[in-house]
PDB file of N, CA and C in Angstrom:
ATOM      1  N   MET A   1     -16.472  -2.430   1.350  1.00  0.00           N
ATOM      2  CA  MET A   1     -17.409  -2.423   0.142  1.00  0.00           C
ATOM      3  C   MET A   1     -18.288  -3.999   0.759  1.00  0.00           C
ATOM      4  N   ARG A   2     -19.920  -3.969   0.378  1.00  0.00           N
ATOM      5  CA  ARG A   2     -20.994  -4.422   0.966  1.00  0.00           C
ATOM      6  C   ARG A   2     -21.109  -5.237  -0.289  1.00  0.00           C
ATOM      7  N   ASP A   3     -20.938  -6.724  -0.859  1.00  0.00           N
ATOM      8  CA  ASP A   3     -22.087  -7.039  -1.163  1.00  0.00           C
ATOM      9  C   ASP A   3     -22.936  -8.354  -1.176  1.00  0.00           C
ATOM     10  N   GLY A   4     -23.747  -8.025   0.404  1.00  0.00           N
ATOM     11  CA  GLY A   4     -24.952  -8.723   1.279  1.00  0.00           C
ATOM     12  C   GLY A   4     -24.205  -9.965   1.712  1.00  0.00           C
ATOM     13  N   ARG A   5     -22.623 -10.844   1.409  1.00  0.00           N
ATOM     14  CA  ARG A   5     -22.654 -11.402   2.582  1.00  0.00           C
ATOM     15  C   ARG A   5     -21.195 -11.075   3.417  1.00  0.00           C
ATOM     16  N   ARG A   6     -20.486  -9.722   2.429  1.00  0.00           N
ATOM     17  CA  ARG A   6     -19.788  -9.872   3.058  1.00  0.00           C
ATOM     18  C   ARG A   6     -19.368  -7.950   3.321  1.00  0.00           C
ATOM     19  N   ASP A   7     -18.051  -7.567   4.058  1.00  0.00           N
ATOM     20  CA  ASP A   7     -17.890  -6.562   4.995  1.00  0.00           C
ATOM     21  C   ASP A   7     -16.761  -6.051   4.270  1.00  0.00           C
ATOM     22  N   LEU A   8     -15.903  -5.316   3.701  1.00  0.00           N
ATOM     23  CA  LEU A   8     -14.361  -5.228   3.030  1.00  0.00           C
ATOM     24  C   LEU A   8     -14.602  -4.013   3.822  1.00  0.00           C
ATOM     25  N   SER A   9     -12.948  -2.968   4.416  1.00  0.00           N
ATOM     26  CA  SER A   9     -13.237  -2.312   4.668  1.00  0.00           C
ATOM     27  C   SER A   9     -11.907  -1.555   2.738  1.00  0.00           C
ATOM     28  N   ALA A  10     -12.263  -1.002   3.370  1.00  0.00           N
ATOM     29  CA  ALA A  10     -11.123  -0.437   1.999  1.00  0.00           C
ATOM     30  C   ALA A  10      -9.721  -1.136   2.338  1.00  0.00           C
ATOM     31  N   ARG A  11      -9.389  -0.982   3.029  1.00  0.00           N
ATOM     32  CA  ARG A  11      -8.276  -1.717   3.289  1.00  0.00           C
ATOM     33  C   ARG A  11      -7.790  -3.173   2.566  1.00  0.00           C
ATOM     34  N   GLN A  12      -8.742  -3.196   2.688  1.00  0.00           N
ATOM     35  CA  GLN A  12      -9.073  -5.472   2.490  1.00  0.00           C
ATOM     36  C   GLN A  12      -9.204  -5.423   0.992  1.00  0.00           C
ATOM     37  N   LEU A  13      -9.761  -4.319   0.880  1.00  0.00           N
ATOM     38  CA  LEU A  13     -10.435  -4.404  -0.926  1.00  0.00           C
ATOM     39  C   LEU A  13      -9.563  -3.912  -1.526  1.00  0.00           C
ATOM     40  N   GLY A  14      -8.782  -3.394  -0.812  1.00  0.00           N
ATOM     41  CA  GLY A  14      -6.859  -2.513  -1.786  1.00  0.00           C
ATOM     42  C   GLY A  14      -6.699  -4.054  -1.875  1.00  0.00           C
ATOM     43  N   VAL A  15      -5.775  -4.459  -1.106  1.00  0.00           N
ATOM     44  CA  VAL A  15      -5.003  -5.687  -0.557  1.00  0.00           C
ATOM     45  C   VAL A  15      -5.652  -6.627  -1.676  1.00  0.00           C
ATOM     46  N   LEU A  16      -6.662  -7.117  -1.337  1.00  0.00           N
ATOM     47  CA  LEU A  16      -7.351  -7.740  -2.059  1.00  0.00           C
ATOM     48  C   LEU A  16      -7.281  -8.172  -3.409  1.00  0.00           C
ATOM     49  N   THR A  17      -7.713  -6.796  -4.484  1.00  0.00           N
ATOM     50  CA  THR A  17      -7.344  -5.629  -5.892  1.00  0.00           C
ATOM     51  C   THR A  17      -6.283  -5.727  -5.959  1.00  0.00           C
ATOM     52  N   THR A  18      -5.158  -5.351  -5.034  1.00  0.00           N
ATOM     53  CA  THR A  18      -3.691  -5.779  -5.597  1.00  0.00           C
ATOM     54  C   THR A  18      -2.698  -6.772  -5.774  1.00  0.00           C
ATOM     55  N   LEU A  19      -3.521  -8.434  -5.523  1.00  0.00           N
ATOM     56  CA  LEU A  19      -3.385  -9.863  -5.001  1.00  0.00           C
ATOM     57  C   LEU A  19      -4.330 -10.439  -6.926  1.00  0.00           C
ATOM     58  N   ALA A  20      -5.309  -9.896  -6.660  1.00  0.00           N
ATOM     59  CA  ALA A  20      -5.516  -9.288  -7.899  1.00  0.00           C
ATOM     60  C   ALA A  20      -4.958  -8.952  -9.916  1.00  0.00           C
ATOM     61  N   LEU A  21      -4.696  -7.780  -8.810  1.00  0.00           N
ATOM     62  CA  LEU A  21      -4.399  -7.042 -10.748  1.00  0.00           C
ATOM     63  C   LEU A  21      -2.013  -7.346 -10.453  1.00  0.00           C
ATOM     64  N   GLN A  22      -1.824  -6.766  -9.372  1.00  0.00           N
ATOM     65  CA  GLN A  22      -0.095  -7.549  -9.749  1.00  0.00           C
ATOM     66  C   GLN A  22       0.065  -8.931  -8.220  1.00  0.00           C
ATOM     67  N   PRO A  23      -0.384  -9.887  -8.635  1.00  0.00           N
ATOM     68  CA  PRO A  23       0.126 -11.434  -8.507  1.00  0.00           C
ATOM     69  C   PRO A  23       1.466 -11.233  -7.659  1.00  0.00           C
ATOM     70  N   GLU A  24       2.392 -10.656  -8.583  1.00  0.00           N
ATOM     71  CA  GLU A  24       4.050 -10.337  -7.802  1.00  0.00           C
ATOM     72  C   GLU A  24       3.838  -9.682  -6.412  1.00  0.00           C
ATOM     73  N   LEU A  25       3.302  -9.151  -6.480  1.00  0.00           N
ATOM     74  CA  LEU A  25       3.503  -8.261  -4.837  1.00  0.00           C
ATOM     75  C   LEU A  25       2.475  -9.155  -4.396  1.00  0.00           C
ATOM     76  N   ASN A  26       3.219  -9.942  -3.033  1.00  0.00           N
ATOM     77  CA  ASN A  26       2.666 -11.129  -3.428  1.00  0.00           C
ATOM     78  C   ASN A  26       3.201 -11.622  -2.024  1.00  0.00           C
ATOM     79  N   THR A  27       3.729 -10.651  -0.796  1.00  0.00           N
ATOM     80  CA  THR A  27       3.793 -10.898   0.159  1.00  0.00           C
ATOM     81  C   THR A  27       3.022  -9.778   1.318  1.00  0.00           C
ATOM     82  N   ILE A  28       3.724  -9.221   2.480  1.00  0.00           N
ATOM     83  CA  ILE A  28       3.108  -9.238   3.500  1.00  0.00           C
ATOM     84  C   ILE A  28       3.809  -7.880   3.393  1.00  0.00           C
ATOM     85  N   ARG A  29       5.206  -7.583   3.046  1.00  0.00           N
ATOM     86  CA  ARG A  29       6.606  -6.894   2.932  1.00  0.00           C
ATOM     87  C   ARG A  29       5.837  -5.665   1.866  1.00  0.00           C
ATOM     88  N   SER A  30       5.875  -6.266   0.845  1.00  0.00           N
ATOM     89  CA  SER A  30       5.711  -6.007  -0.619  1.00  0.00           C
ATOM     90  C   SER A  30       4.062  -5.073  -0.786  1.00  0.00           C
ATOM     91  N   LEU A  31       3.573  -6.085   0.127  1.00  0.00           N
ATOM     92  CA  LEU A  31       2.076  -5.152  -0.129  1.00  0.00           C
ATOM     93  C   LEU A  31       2.292  -3.593   0.460  1.00  0.00           C
ATOM     94  N   ALA A  32       3.051  -3.838   1.652  1.00  0.00           N
ATOM     95  CA  ALA A  32       2.928  -3.353   2.840  1.00  0.00           C
ATOM     96  C   ALA A  32       3.391  -1.773   1.929  1.00  0.00           C
ATOM     97  N   VAL A  33       4.716  -1.932   1.595  1.00  0.00           N
ATOM     98  CA  VAL A  33       5.074  -0.926   0.448  1.00  0.00           C
ATOM     99  C   VAL A  33       4.428   0.087  -0.764  1.00  0.00           C
ATOM    100  N   HIS A  34       3.712  -1.064  -1.543  1.00  0.00           N
ATOM    101  CA  HIS A  34       3.069  -1.360  -2.284  1.00  0.00           C
ATOM    102  C   HIS A  34       1.067   0.213  -1.917  1.00  0.00           C
ATOM    103  N   LEU A  35       0.926  -0.521  -1.173  1.00  0.00           N
ATOM    104  CA  LEU A  35      -0.412   0.214  -0.926  1.00  0.00           C
ATOM    105  C   LEU A  35      -0.079   1.205   0.752  1.00  0.00           C
ATOM    106  N   ARG A  36       1.110   1.318   0.909  1.00  0.00           N
ATOM    107  CA  ARG A  36       1.364   2.465   1.903  1.00  0.00           C
ATOM    108  C   ARG A  36       1.367   2.262   2.625  1.00  0.00           C
ATOM    109  N   VAL A  37       1.270   0.648   3.876  1.00  0.00           N
ATOM    110  CA  VAL A  37       0.590   1.831   4.794  1.00  0.00           C
ATOM    111  C   VAL A  37       1.338   0.213   5.720  1.00  0.00           C
ATOM    112  N   SER A  38       1.189  -0.131   6.867  1.00  0.00           N
ATOM    113  CA  SER A  38       2.326  -0.945   7.981  1.00  0.00           C
ATOM    114  C   SER A  38       1.951  -1.943   7.845  1.00  0.00           C
ATOM    115  N   LYS A  39       3.110  -3.330   7.862  1.00  0.00           N
ATOM    116  CA  LYS A  39       2.833  -4.148   8.281  1.00  0.00           C
ATOM    117  C   LYS A  39       2.116  -4.752   9.050  1.00  0.00           C
ATOM    118  N   PRO A  40       2.136  -4.526  10.323  1.00  0.00           N
ATOM    119  CA  PRO A  40       0.957  -4.855  11.216  1.00  0.00           C
ATOM    120  C   PRO A  40      -0.095  -5.269  10.092  1.00  0.00           C
ATOM    121  N   ALA A  41      -0.109  -3.567   9.913  1.00  0.00           N
ATOM    122  CA  ALA A  41      -1.286  -3.450   9.048  1.00  0.00           C
ATOM    123  C   ALA A  41      -3.061  -4.075   7.788  1.00  0.00           C
ATOM    124  N   ILE A  42      -1.414  -4.074   6.919  1.00  0.00           N
ATOM    125  CA  ILE A  42      -1.549  -5.639   5.573  1.00  0.00           C
ATOM    126  C   ILE A  42      -1.246  -6.811   6.422  1.00  0.00           C
ATOM    127  N   THR A  43      -1.628  -7.132   7.628  1.00  0.00           N
ATOM    128  CA  THR A  43      -0.753  -8.250   7.892  1.00  0.00           C
ATOM    129  C   THR A  43      -2.989  -8.843   8.723  1.00  0.00           C
ATOM    130  N   ARG A  44      -3.737  -6.952   9.292  1.00  0.00           N
ATOM    131  CA  ARG A  44      -4.186  -8.349  10.246  1.00  0.00           C
ATOM    132  C   ARG A  44      -4.935  -8.028   8.575  1.00  0.00           C
ATOM    133  N   ALA A  45      -5.205  -6.927   7.667  1.00  0.00           N
ATOM    134  CA  ALA A  45      -6.181  -7.123   7.030  1.00  0.00           C
ATOM    135  C   ALA A  45      -6.213  -8.350   5.922  1.00  0.00           C
ATOM    136  N   VAL A  46      -4.847  -8.993   5.376  1.00  0.00           N
ATOM    137  CA  VAL A  46      -4.861  -9.972   5.238  1.00  0.00           C
ATOM    138  C   VAL A  46      -5.070 -11.528   6.174  1.00  0.00           C
ATOM    139  N   ASP A  47      -5.278 -11.565   7.412  1.00  0.00           N
ATOM    140  CA  ASP A  47      -5.942 -11.848   8.384  1.00  0.00           C
ATOM    141  C   ASP A  47      -7.794 -12.510   7.991  1.00  0.00           C
ATOM    142  N   ARG A  48      -8.070 -10.752   7.326  1.00  0.00           N
ATOM    143  CA  ARG A  48      -9.239 -10.844   7.169  1.00  0.00           C
ATOM    144  C   ARG A  48      -9.993 -11.353   6.150  1.00  0.00           C
ATOM    145  N   LEU A  49      -9.637 -11.582   4.766  1.00  0.00           N
ATOM    146  CA  LEU A  49      -9.340 -12.295   3.815  1.00  0.00           C
ATOM    147  C   LEU A  49      -9.268 -13.288   3.698  1.00  0.00           C
ATOM    148  N   GLU A  50      -8.710 -13.586   4.847  1.00  0.00           N
ATOM    149  CA  GLU A  50      -8.148 -15.310   5.082  1.00  0.00           C
ATOM    150  C   GLU A  50      -9.033 -16.083   5.586  1.00  0.00           C
ATOM    151  N   ALA A  51      -9.830 -15.255   6.254  1.00  0.00           N
ATOM    152  CA  ALA A  51     -10.687 -15.098   7.404  1.00  0.00           C
ATOM    153  C   ALA A  51     -12.011 -15.594   6.649  1.00  0.00           C
ATOM    154  N   GLU A  52     -11.746 -14.720   5.599  1.00  0.00           N
ATOM    155  CA  GLU A  52     -13.363 -14.943   4.884  1.00  0.00           C
ATOM    156  C   GLU A  52     -12.982 -15.625   3.331  1.00  0.00           C
ATOM    157  N   GLY A  53     -11.907 -16.530   3.401  1.00  0.00           N
ATOM    158  CA  GLY A  53     -11.999 -17.420   2.471  1.00  0.00           C
ATOM    159  C   GLY A  53     -11.319 -16.952   1.383  1.00  0.00           C
ATOM    160  N   LEU A  54     -10.930 -15.462   1.023  1.00  0.00           N
ATOM    161  CA  LEU A  54     -10.633 -14.635  -0.281  1.00  0.00           C
ATOM    162  C   LEU A  54      -9.579 -14.450  -0.803  1.00  0.00           C
ATOM    163  N   ALA A  55      -9.092 -14.727   0.286  1.00  0.00           N
ATOM    164  CA  ALA A  55      -7.306 -15.114   0.032  1.00  0.00           C
ATOM    165  C   ALA A  55      -6.626 -15.976   0.585  1.00  0.00           C
ATOM    166  N   LYS A  56      -5.265 -17.172   0.728  1.00  0.00           N
ATOM    167  CA  LYS A  56      -4.755 -17.938   1.241  1.00  0.00           C
ATOM    168  C   LYS A  56      -3.487 -17.339   1.416  1.00  0.00           C
ATOM    169  N   ARG A  57      -2.981 -17.788   1.921  1.00  0.00           N
ATOM    170  CA  ARG A  57      -1.610 -17.327   3.141  1.00  0.00           C
ATOM    171  C   ARG A  57      -0.805 -19.255   1.907  1.00  0.00           C
ATOM    172  N   ARG A  58      -0.260 -19.080   1.198  1.00  0.00           N
ATOM    173  CA  ARG A  58       1.347 -20.583   1.363  1.00  0.00           C
ATOM    174  C   ARG A  58       2.765 -20.423   1.515  1.00  0.00           C
ATOM    175  N   PRO A  59       3.766 -21.042   2.480  1.00  0.00           N
ATOM    176  CA  PRO A  59       4.640 -21.120   2.689  1.00  0.00           C
ATOM    177  C   PRO A  59       4.886 -20.168   1.672  1.00  0.00           C
ATOM    178  N   ASP A  60       6.431 -19.380   1.408  1.00  0.00           N
ATOM    179  CA  ASP A  60       7.341 -18.740   0.326  1.00  0.00           C
ATOM    180  C   ASP A  60       8.359 -20.067   0.216  1.00  0.00           C
ATOM    181  N   PRO A  61       8.680 -20.145  -1.984  1.00  0.00           N
ATOM    182  CA  PRO A  61       9.767 -21.251  -1.829  1.00  0.00           C
ATOM    183  C   PRO A  61      10.720 -20.930  -1.782  1.00  0.00           C
ATOM    184  N   LYS A  62      10.935 -20.007  -1.452  1.00  0.00           N
ATOM    185  CA  LYS A  62      12.172 -18.828  -1.998  1.00  0.00           C
ATOM    186  C   LYS A  62      12.938 -18.335  -0.929  1.00  0.00           C
ATOM    187  N   ASP A  63      12.244 -18.295   0.353  1.00  0.00           N
ATOM    188  CA  ASP A  63      12.978 -18.067   1.960  1.00  0.00           C
ATOM    189  C   ASP A  63      11.255 -18.544   2.655  1.00  0.00           C
ATOM    190  N   ARG A  64      12.186 -19.352   3.415  1.00  0.00           N
ATOM    191  CA  ARG A  64      11.331 -20.229   4.526  1.00  0.00           C
ATOM    192  C   ARG A  64      10.666 -19.212   5.684  1.00  0.00           C
ATOM    193  N   ARG A  65      11.903 -18.449   6.485  1.00  0.00           N
ATOM    194  CA  ARG A  65      10.937 -17.086   6.590  1.00  0.00           C
ATOM    195  C   ARG A  65       9.858 -16.396   6.473  1.00  0.00           C
ATOM    196  N   SER A  66       9.457 -16.602   5.845  1.00  0.00           N
ATOM    197  CA  SER A  66       7.892 -15.320   4.683  1.00  0.00           C
ATOM    198  C   SER A  66       6.857 -16.696   4.232  1.00  0.00           C
ATOM    199  N   VAL A  67       5.738 -15.779   3.795  1.00  0.00           N
ATOM    200  CA  VAL A  67       4.657 -16.440   4.277  1.00  0.00           C
ATOM    201  C   VAL A  67       4.509 -15.617   2.247  1.00  0.00           C
ATOM    202  N   CYS A  68       3.908 -16.259   0.999  1.00  0.00           N
ATOM    203  CA  CYS A  68       2.854 -15.997  -0.216  1.00  0.00           C
ATOM    204  C   CYS A  68       1.791 -15.546   0.772  1.00  0.00           C
ATOM    205  N   VAL A  69       1.152 -14.914   0.550  1.00  0.00           N
ATOM    206  CA  VAL A  69      -0.849 -14.439  -0.304  1.00  0.00           C
ATOM    207  C   VAL A  69      -0.853 -14.428  -1.600  1.00  0.00           C
ATOM    208  N   GLY A  70      -1.973 -14.984  -1.619  1.00  0.00           N
ATOM    209  CA  GLY A  70      -2.529 -15.292  -2.834  1.00  0.00           C
ATOM    210  C   GLY A  70      -4.311 -15.276  -2.898  1.00  0.00           C
ATOM    211  N   ILE A  71      -4.747 -14.604  -4.119  1.00  0.00           N
ATOM    212  CA  ILE A  71      -6.424 -14.425  -4.138  1.00  0.00           C
ATOM    213  C   ILE A  71      -7.021 -15.791  -4.640  1.00  0.00           C
ATOM    214  N   SER A  72      -7.816 -15.908  -3.412  1.00  0.00           N
ATOM    215  CA  SER A  72      -8.585 -17.414  -3.945  1.00  0.00           C
ATOM    216  C   SER A  72      -9.503 -17.108  -4.809  1.00  0.00           C
ATOM    217  N   PRO A  73      -9.980 -18.264  -5.776  1.00  0.00           N
ATOM    218  CA  PRO A  73     -10.799 -18.697  -6.166  1.00  0.00           C
ATOM    219  C   PRO A  73     -12.423 -17.274  -6.266  1.00  0.00           C
ATOM    220  N   ALA A  74     -12.877 -16.699  -4.597  1.00  0.00           N
ATOM    221  CA  ALA A  74     -13.356 -16.745  -4.016  1.00  0.00           C
ATOM    222  C   ALA A  74     -13.382 -15.582  -3.570  1.00  0.00           C
ATOM    223  N   GLY A  75     -11.705 -15.050  -4.311  1.00  0.00           N
ATOM    224  CA  GLY A  75     -11.998 -13.858  -3.389  1.00  0.00           C
ATOM    225  C   GLY A  75     -12.182 -13.191  -5.272  1.00  0.00           C
ATOM    226  N   SER A  76     -11.762 -14.366  -6.199  1.00  0.00           N
ATOM    227  CA  SER A  76     -11.917 -13.172  -7.580  1.00  0.00           C
ATOM    228  C   SER A  76     -13.306 -13.425  -8.187  1.00  0.00           C
ATOM    229  N   SER A  77     -13.993 -14.621  -8.044  1.00  0.00           N
ATOM    230  CA  SER A  77     -15.403 -14.530  -7.380  1.00  0.00           C
ATOM    231  C   SER A  77     -16.083 -13.227  -6.748  1.00  0.00           C
ATOM    232  N   TYR A  78     -15.659 -12.795  -5.662  1.00  0.00           N
ATOM    233  CA  TYR A  78     -16.091 -11.817  -4.926  1.00  0.00           C
ATOM    234  C   TYR A  78     -15.800 -10.068  -5.541  1.00  0.00           C
ATOM    235  N   LEU A  79     -14.551  -9.985  -6.640  1.00  0.00           N
ATOM    236  CA  LEU A  79     -13.809  -8.807  -6.736  1.00  0.00           C
ATOM    237  C   LEU A  79     -14.828  -8.887  -8.403  1.00  0.00           C
ATOM    238  N   ASP A  80     -15.566  -9.818  -8.952  1.00  0.00           N
ATOM    239  CA  ASP A  80     -15.853 -10.145 -10.610  1.00  0.00           C
ATOM    240  C   ASP A  80     -17.248  -9.607 -10.590  1.00  0.00           C
ATOM    241  N   ASP A  81     -18.057  -9.751  -8.927  1.00  0.00           N
ATOM    242  CA  ASP A  81     -19.053  -9.351  -8.551  1.00  0.00           C
ATOM    243  C   ASP A  81     -19.023  -8.119  -8.462  1.00  0.00           C
ATOM    244  N   ILE A  82     -18.141  -7.519  -8.147  1.00  0.00           N
ATOM    245  CA  ILE A  82     -18.585  -6.016  -7.637  1.00  0.00           C
ATOM    246  C   ILE A  82     -18.065  -5.554  -9.205  1.00  0.00           C
ATOM    247  N   GLU A  83     -17.495  -5.573  -9.669  1.00  0.00           N
ATOM    248  CA  GLU A  83     -16.953  -5.632 -11.160  1.00  0.00           C
ATOM    249  C   GLU A  83     -18.827  -5.259 -12.111  1.00  0.00           C
ATOM    250  N   VAL A  84     -19.206  -6.332 -11.766  1.00  0.00           N
ATOM    251  CA  VAL A  84     -20.486  -6.199 -12.771  1.00  0.00           C
ATOM    252  C   VAL A  84     -21.658  -5.221 -11.852  1.00  0.00           C
ATOM    253  N   GLY A  85     -21.748  -5.303 -10.295  1.00  0.00           N
ATOM    254  CA  GLY A  85     -22.245  -4.480 -10.000  1.00  0.00           C
ATOM    255  C   GLY A  85     -22.367  -3.229 -10.300  1.00  0.00           C
ATOM    256  N   LEU A  86     -20.658  -2.748 -10.377  1.00  0.00           N
ATOM    257  CA  LEU A  86     -20.223  -1.202 -11.202  1.00  0.00           C
ATOM    258  C   LEU A  86     -20.657  -0.894 -12.420  1.00  0.00           C
ATOM    259  N   LEU A  87     -20.671  -1.857 -13.109  1.00  0.00           N
ATOM    260  CA  LEU A  87     -21.566  -1.324 -14.511  1.00  0.00           C
ATOM    261  C   LEU A  87     -22.564  -1.732 -14.884  1.00  0.00           C
ATOM    262  N   LYS A  88     -23.382  -2.057 -14.181  1.00  0.00           N
ATOM    263  CA  LYS A  88     -25.231  -2.755 -13.855  1.00  0.00           C
ATOM    264  C   LYS A  88     -25.008  -0.849 -13.156  1.00  0.00           C
ATOM    265  N   SER A  89     -24.513  -0.306 -12.169  1.00  0.00           N
ATOM    266  CA  SER A  89     -24.904   0.616 -11.784  1.00  0.00           C
ATOM    267  C   SER A  89     -25.010   1.953 -12.585  1.00  0.00           C
ATOM    268  N   THR A  90     -23.974   1.263 -13.695  1.00  0.00           N
ATOM    269  CA  THR A  90     -22.964   2.547 -14.464  1.00  0.00           C
ATOM    270  C   THR A  90     -24.298   2.816 -15.420  1.00  0.00           C
ATOM    271  N   MET A  91     -24.934   1.510 -16.172  1.00  0.00           N
ATOM    272  CA  MET A  91     -25.154   1.051 -17.345  1.00  0.00           C
ATOM    273  C   MET A  91     -26.282   2.307 -16.665  1.00  0.00           C
ATOM    274  N   ALA A  92     -27.508   2.116 -15.726  1.00  0.00           N
ATOM    275  CA  ALA A  92     -28.528   2.512 -15.283  1.00  0.00           C
ATOM    276  C   ALA A  92     -28.266   4.010 -14.445  1.00  0.00           C
ATOM    277  N   GLU A  93     -27.336   4.558 -14.654  1.00  0.00           N
ATOM    278  CA  GLU A  93     -27.456   5.998 -14.648  1.00  0.00           C
ATOM    279  C   GLU A  93     -26.724   6.335 -16.346  1.00  0.00           C
ATOM    280  N   ALA A  94     -26.991   6.105 -17.331  1.00  0.00           N
ATOM    281  CA  ALA A  94     -27.045   6.286 -18.857  1.00  0.00           C
ATOM    282  C   ALA A  94     -28.431   6.391 -18.801  1.00  0.00           C
TER     283      ALA A  94
END
């Protein structure tokens, strides 16, 4: 998906959308199960999202061996921009 600034893959966009809509799915494992892909694939997607400032990792307060992933304010804004763009496109076609 392109917004003029970022070029995310479908997987990266899926992870970002899942983090926004289902914040309880906030571990690599839970994201992998939900999206039906491997943990390494989710890790790579989260790496890219974090590098772009769209997601952030933090220690899991319940399990020191694990990390939680959350959407950042920039990630929320990115999804909002996509939604506005889709609405404009749909209205233009009507």
